[in-house]
Amino acid sequence: MTTKPVSKTKSKPARDINRIGRGKPGPGRPKGSTDKVTRDVKAMILGALEDQPGGGRQYLAEQARENPAAYLSLLGKIIPKDVAVTGGMQIQIVTGMDPALGEPGSN
């Protein structure tokens, strides 16, 4: 009759692998939600814009004229990045502006 050798080490109790806090991260923020700092900064920016005359509309129009690169950068950040276009589209390319009229001109 053969016998198996007996192990002298004790087996460790099974760990609860679903417990949060012992090396397992929690669920985190929901997808698409912002953290508190980002929310607070956005609220401050919007508050400062509302404090401008006309609710900020005049200020933004002024920035579009005086700082077009910064204004267009701002627009690029707020316009949706994925836009689906269906159907036909006609595009008109304007090559110059008439400074006297402030409108597209023929150059």
N, C-alpha and C. Protein backbone atom coordinates (compact mmCIF):
# COMPACT_ATOMS: atom_id res chain seq x y z
N MET A 1 0.84 -1.17 0.00
CA MET A 1 0.00 0.00 0.00
C MET A 1 0.89 1.24 0.00
N THR A 2 0.60 2.21 -0.93
CA THR A 2 1.40 3.43 -1.01
C THR A 2 0.62 4.58 -0.42
N THR A 3 1.36 5.47 0.20
CA THR A 3 0.71 6.65 0.78
C THR A 3 1.30 7.91 0.19
N LYS A 4 0.49 8.94 0.09
CA LYS A 4 0.95 10.23 -0.42
C LYS A 4 1.61 11.00 0.70
N PRO A 5 2.68 11.76 0.37
CA PRO A 5 3.30 12.58 1.42
C PRO A 5 2.33 13.66 1.88
N VAL A 6 2.35 13.95 3.14
CA VAL A 6 1.46 14.95 3.72
C VAL A 6 2.18 16.30 3.70
N SER A 7 1.50 17.31 3.20
CA SER A 7 2.07 18.67 3.17
C SER A 7 1.98 19.27 4.56
N LYS A 8 3.05 19.92 4.98
CA LYS A 8 3.07 20.51 6.32
C LYS A 8 2.60 21.96 6.32
N THR A 9 2.36 22.56 5.12
CA THR A 9 1.88 23.94 5.06
C THR A 9 0.37 23.96 5.14
N LYS A 10 -0.12 24.99 5.78
CA LYS A 10 -1.58 25.14 5.90
C LYS A 10 -2.10 25.87 4.66
N SER A 11 -3.25 25.50 4.22
CA SER A 11 -3.84 26.19 3.08
C SER A 11 -4.42 27.52 3.55
N LYS A 12 -4.30 28.53 2.68
CA LYS A 12 -4.82 29.86 3.01
C LYS A 12 -6.33 29.87 2.78
N PRO A 13 -7.04 30.60 3.62
CA PRO A 13 -8.49 30.68 3.39
C PRO A 13 -8.77 31.43 2.08
N ALA A 14 -9.83 31.07 1.42
CA ALA A 14 -10.20 31.71 0.16
C ALA A 14 -10.51 33.18 0.41
N ARG A 15 -9.95 34.03 -0.46
CA ARG A 15 -10.22 35.47 -0.34
C ARG A 15 -11.48 35.82 -1.12
N ASP A 16 -12.14 36.83 -0.62
CA ASP A 16 -13.33 37.33 -1.33
C ASP A 16 -12.83 38.27 -2.43
N ILE A 17 -12.73 37.79 -3.66
CA ILE A 17 -12.15 38.58 -4.74
C ILE A 17 -13.07 39.69 -5.22
N ASN A 18 -14.31 39.70 -4.81
CA ASN A 18 -15.23 40.73 -5.24
C ASN A 18 -15.30 41.92 -4.28
N ARG A 19 -14.50 41.89 -3.23
CA ARG A 19 -14.52 42.97 -2.26
C ARG A 19 -13.80 44.20 -2.81
N ILE A 20 -14.37 45.37 -2.60
CA ILE A 20 -13.74 46.61 -3.02
C ILE A 20 -12.87 47.11 -1.88
N GLY A 21 -11.69 47.61 -2.22
CA GLY A 21 -10.83 48.20 -1.21
C GLY A 21 -9.58 47.42 -0.92
N ARG A 22 -9.52 46.20 -1.22
CA ARG A 22 -8.34 45.37 -0.96
C ARG A 22 -7.66 45.04 -2.30
N GLY A 23 -7.18 46.09 -2.99
CA GLY A 23 -6.49 45.86 -4.25
C GLY A 23 -7.39 45.85 -5.47
N LYS A 24 -8.68 45.87 -5.25
CA LYS A 24 -9.62 45.88 -6.38
C LYS A 24 -10.23 47.27 -6.48
N PRO A 25 -10.09 47.92 -7.65
CA PRO A 25 -10.65 49.27 -7.78
C PRO A 25 -12.16 49.27 -7.76
N GLY A 26 -12.71 50.41 -7.37
CA GLY A 26 -14.16 50.56 -7.35
C GLY A 26 -14.68 50.84 -8.75
N PRO A 27 -15.96 51.08 -8.88
CA PRO A 27 -16.55 51.28 -10.21
C PRO A 27 -16.13 52.59 -10.87
N GLY A 28 -15.71 53.60 -10.09
CA GLY A 28 -15.30 54.88 -10.67
C GLY A 28 -16.49 55.72 -11.09
N ARG A 29 -16.19 56.81 -11.80
CA ARG A 29 -17.25 57.70 -12.28
C ARG A 29 -17.94 57.07 -13.49
N PRO A 30 -19.20 57.40 -13.67
CA PRO A 30 -19.89 56.93 -14.88
C PRO A 30 -19.22 57.50 -16.13
N LYS A 31 -19.26 56.77 -17.21
CA LYS A 31 -18.65 57.19 -18.47
C LYS A 31 -19.26 58.52 -18.92
N GLY A 32 -18.38 59.44 -19.30
CA GLY A 32 -18.82 60.74 -19.79
C GLY A 32 -19.02 61.79 -18.72
N SER A 33 -18.95 61.43 -17.46
CA SER A 33 -19.13 62.42 -16.40
C SER A 33 -17.82 63.16 -16.15
N THR A 34 -17.92 64.38 -15.65
CA THR A 34 -16.73 65.19 -15.39
C THR A 34 -16.42 65.17 -13.90
N ASP A 35 -15.15 65.38 -13.59
CA ASP A 35 -14.78 65.42 -12.18
C ASP A 35 -15.13 66.79 -11.60
N LYS A 36 -15.01 66.95 -10.30
CA LYS A 36 -15.44 68.16 -9.61
C LYS A 36 -14.66 69.39 -10.06
N VAL A 37 -13.35 69.26 -10.24
CA VAL A 37 -12.54 70.42 -10.64
C VAL A 37 -12.97 70.92 -12.02
N THR A 38 -13.14 70.02 -12.97
CA THR A 38 -13.57 70.41 -14.32
C THR A 38 -14.93 71.08 -14.28
N ARG A 39 -15.85 70.52 -13.50
CA ARG A 39 -17.19 71.11 -13.37
C ARG A 39 -17.10 72.52 -12.79
N ASP A 40 -16.27 72.70 -11.74
CA ASP A 40 -16.14 74.01 -11.10
C ASP A 40 -15.52 75.03 -12.03
N VAL A 41 -14.49 74.64 -12.79
CA VAL A 41 -13.83 75.57 -13.71
C VAL A 41 -14.81 75.99 -14.81
N LYS A 42 -15.56 75.03 -15.36
CA LYS A 42 -16.55 75.37 -16.38
C LYS A 42 -17.59 76.35 -15.83
N ALA A 43 -18.03 76.14 -14.59
CA ALA A 43 -19.02 77.03 -13.98
C ALA A 43 -18.43 78.44 -13.81
N MET A 44 -17.16 78.54 -13.43
CA MET A 44 -16.53 79.86 -13.29
C MET A 44 -16.43 80.57 -14.63
N ILE A 45 -16.05 79.84 -15.68
CA ILE A 45 -15.93 80.45 -17.01
C ILE A 45 -17.30 80.94 -17.48
N LEU A 46 -18.32 80.12 -17.32
CA LEU A 46 -19.67 80.53 -17.74
C LEU A 46 -20.17 81.71 -16.91
N GLY A 47 -19.84 81.73 -15.62
CA GLY A 47 -20.23 82.86 -14.77
C GLY A 47 -19.57 84.15 -15.22
N ALA A 48 -18.28 84.08 -15.57
CA ALA A 48 -17.57 85.27 -16.05
C ALA A 48 -18.16 85.74 -17.38
N LEU A 49 -18.54 84.82 -18.24
CA LEU A 49 -19.14 85.19 -19.52
C LEU A 49 -20.50 85.85 -19.31
N GLU A 50 -21.27 85.34 -18.36
CA GLU A 50 -22.58 85.94 -18.07
C GLU A 50 -22.46 87.34 -17.49
N ASP A 51 -21.33 87.63 -16.82
CA ASP A 51 -21.12 88.96 -16.23
C ASP A 51 -20.79 90.02 -17.28
N GLN A 52 -20.48 89.60 -18.50
CA GLN A 52 -20.18 90.55 -19.58
C GLN A 52 -21.48 91.20 -20.06
N PRO A 53 -21.38 92.43 -20.59
CA PRO A 53 -22.59 93.08 -21.12
C PRO A 53 -23.23 92.22 -22.21
N GLY A 54 -24.53 92.12 -22.17
CA GLY A 54 -25.25 91.33 -23.17
C GLY A 54 -25.11 89.83 -22.95
N GLY A 55 -24.71 89.43 -21.75
CA GLY A 55 -24.57 88.01 -21.47
C GLY A 55 -23.40 87.36 -22.16
N GLY A 56 -22.45 88.17 -22.62
CA GLY A 56 -21.26 87.63 -23.25
C GLY A 56 -21.32 87.58 -24.76
N ARG A 57 -22.48 87.83 -25.32
CA ARG A 57 -22.62 87.78 -26.78
C ARG A 57 -21.75 88.83 -27.47
N GLN A 58 -21.77 90.05 -26.93
CA GLN A 58 -20.93 91.13 -27.51
C GLN A 58 -19.45 90.79 -27.36
N TYR A 59 -19.07 90.25 -26.20
CA TYR A 59 -17.68 89.91 -25.94
C TYR A 59 -17.20 88.84 -26.93
N LEU A 60 -18.02 87.82 -27.14
CA LEU A 60 -17.62 86.76 -28.08
C LEU A 60 -17.53 87.29 -29.51
N ALA A 61 -18.44 88.18 -29.90
CA ALA A 61 -18.38 88.78 -31.23
C ALA A 61 -17.10 89.61 -31.38
N GLU A 62 -16.74 90.33 -30.31
CA GLU A 62 -15.50 91.12 -30.33
C GLU A 62 -14.28 90.22 -30.45
N GLN A 63 -14.28 89.10 -29.74
CA GLN A 63 -13.16 88.17 -29.81
C GLN A 63 -13.06 87.53 -31.19
N ALA A 64 -14.20 87.29 -31.82
CA ALA A 64 -14.18 86.71 -33.17
C ALA A 64 -13.49 87.66 -34.15
N ARG A 65 -13.69 88.97 -33.95
CA ARG A 65 -13.05 89.96 -34.83
C ARG A 65 -11.58 90.17 -34.49
N GLU A 66 -11.28 90.32 -33.20
CA GLU A 66 -9.92 90.70 -32.78
C GLU A 66 -8.98 89.52 -32.61
N ASN A 67 -9.48 88.37 -32.26
CA ASN A 67 -8.67 87.17 -32.03
C ASN A 67 -9.29 85.97 -32.74
N PRO A 68 -9.32 85.98 -34.07
CA PRO A 68 -10.03 84.91 -34.78
C PRO A 68 -9.44 83.52 -34.52
N ALA A 69 -8.12 83.41 -34.35
CA ALA A 69 -7.53 82.08 -34.12
C ALA A 69 -8.03 81.50 -32.80
N ALA A 70 -8.04 82.30 -31.74
CA ALA A 70 -8.52 81.82 -30.44
C ALA A 70 -10.02 81.52 -30.50
N TYR A 71 -10.77 82.37 -31.20
CA TYR A 71 -12.21 82.16 -31.30
C TYR A 71 -12.52 80.87 -32.06
N LEU A 72 -11.82 80.64 -33.17
CA LEU A 72 -12.05 79.43 -33.94
C LEU A 72 -11.60 78.19 -33.17
N SER A 73 -10.56 78.33 -32.37
CA SER A 73 -10.13 77.22 -31.51
C SER A 73 -11.23 76.86 -30.51
N LEU A 74 -11.86 77.89 -29.96
CA LEU A 74 -12.97 77.67 -29.03
C LEU A 74 -14.13 76.96 -29.74
N LEU A 75 -14.45 77.42 -30.95
CA LEU A 75 -15.53 76.77 -31.70
C LEU A 75 -15.20 75.31 -31.99
N GLY A 76 -13.94 75.04 -32.31
CA GLY A 76 -13.53 73.67 -32.58
C GLY A 76 -13.70 72.76 -31.38
N LYS A 77 -13.64 73.34 -30.17
CA LYS A 77 -13.78 72.53 -28.96
C LYS A 77 -15.24 72.26 -28.60
N ILE A 78 -16.15 73.12 -29.04
CA ILE A 78 -17.54 72.94 -28.64
C ILE A 78 -18.44 72.34 -29.71
N ILE A 79 -17.98 72.36 -30.96
CA ILE A 79 -18.77 71.76 -32.04
C ILE A 79 -18.56 70.25 -31.99
N PRO A 80 -19.61 69.47 -32.15
CA PRO A 80 -19.47 68.01 -32.11
C PRO A 80 -18.43 67.53 -33.12
N LYS A 81 -17.64 66.53 -32.73
CA LYS A 81 -16.58 66.03 -33.59
C LYS A 81 -17.10 65.03 -34.62
N ASP A 82 -18.13 64.29 -34.28
CA ASP A 82 -18.70 63.31 -35.20
C ASP A 82 -20.02 63.84 -35.73
N VAL A 83 -20.01 64.28 -36.97
CA VAL A 83 -21.23 64.80 -37.57
C VAL A 83 -21.52 63.94 -38.80
N ALA A 84 -22.69 63.36 -38.83
CA ALA A 84 -23.10 62.56 -39.97
C ALA A 84 -23.90 63.43 -40.92
N VAL A 85 -23.50 63.46 -42.17
CA VAL A 85 -24.19 64.26 -43.17
C VAL A 85 -24.80 63.31 -44.18
N THR A 86 -26.09 63.47 -44.42
CA THR A 86 -26.76 62.64 -45.42
C THR A 86 -27.32 63.55 -46.49
N GLY A 87 -27.44 63.02 -47.67
CA GLY A 87 -27.99 63.81 -48.76
C GLY A 87 -26.91 64.63 -49.45
N GLY A 88 -27.32 65.52 -50.31
CA GLY A 88 -26.38 66.35 -51.07
C GLY A 88 -26.05 67.63 -50.34
N MET A 89 -24.95 68.22 -50.74
CA MET A 89 -24.53 69.47 -50.11
C MET A 89 -23.84 70.33 -51.16
N GLN A 90 -24.11 71.63 -51.12
CA GLN A 90 -23.46 72.56 -52.02
C GLN A 90 -22.53 73.43 -51.19
N ILE A 91 -21.28 73.57 -51.65
CA ILE A 91 -20.28 74.34 -50.92
C ILE A 91 -19.85 75.52 -51.79
N GLN A 92 -19.83 76.72 -51.19
CA GLN A 92 -19.38 77.91 -51.88
C GLN A 92 -18.07 78.35 -51.23
N ILE A 93 -17.02 78.51 -52.02
CA ILE A 93 -15.73 78.92 -51.50
C ILE A 93 -15.56 80.41 -51.74
N VAL A 94 -15.33 81.16 -50.65
CA VAL A 94 -15.14 82.60 -50.71
C VAL A 94 -13.65 82.86 -50.64
N THR A 95 -13.13 83.60 -51.62
CA THR A 95 -11.68 83.81 -51.68
C THR A 95 -11.22 85.11 -51.05
N GLY A 96 -12.09 86.02 -50.74
CA GLY A 96 -11.67 87.28 -50.15
C GLY A 96 -12.80 87.96 -49.41
N MET A 97 -12.45 88.94 -48.62
CA MET A 97 -13.44 89.71 -47.86
C MET A 97 -13.33 91.16 -48.30
N ASP A 98 -14.45 91.84 -48.40
CA ASP A 98 -14.46 93.27 -48.69
C ASP A 98 -14.46 93.99 -47.35
N PRO A 99 -13.32 94.59 -46.93
CA PRO A 99 -13.24 95.21 -45.61
C PRO A 99 -14.26 96.32 -45.40
N ALA A 100 -14.62 97.03 -46.44
CA ALA A 100 -15.57 98.13 -46.30
C ALA A 100 -16.95 97.62 -45.92
N LEU A 101 -17.33 96.48 -46.46
CA LEU A 101 -18.66 95.94 -46.20
C LEU A 101 -18.67 94.92 -45.07
N GLY A 102 -17.53 94.32 -44.80
CA GLY A 102 -17.48 93.29 -43.78
C GLY A 102 -18.16 92.01 -44.25
N GLU A 103 -18.31 91.89 -45.57
CA GLU A 103 -18.96 90.72 -46.14
C GLU A 103 -18.06 90.14 -47.24
N PRO A 104 -18.33 88.91 -47.63
CA PRO A 104 -17.56 88.35 -48.74
C PRO A 104 -17.68 89.23 -49.98
N GLY A 105 -16.56 89.45 -50.64
CA GLY A 105 -16.56 90.28 -51.84
C GLY A 105 -15.93 89.56 -52.99
N SER A 106 -15.80 90.23 -54.08
CA SER A 106 -15.16 89.62 -55.25
C SER A 106 -13.77 90.18 -55.39
N ASN A 107 -12.78 89.35 -55.11
CA ASN A 107 -11.37 89.74 -55.24
C ASN A 107 -10.71 88.91 -56.29
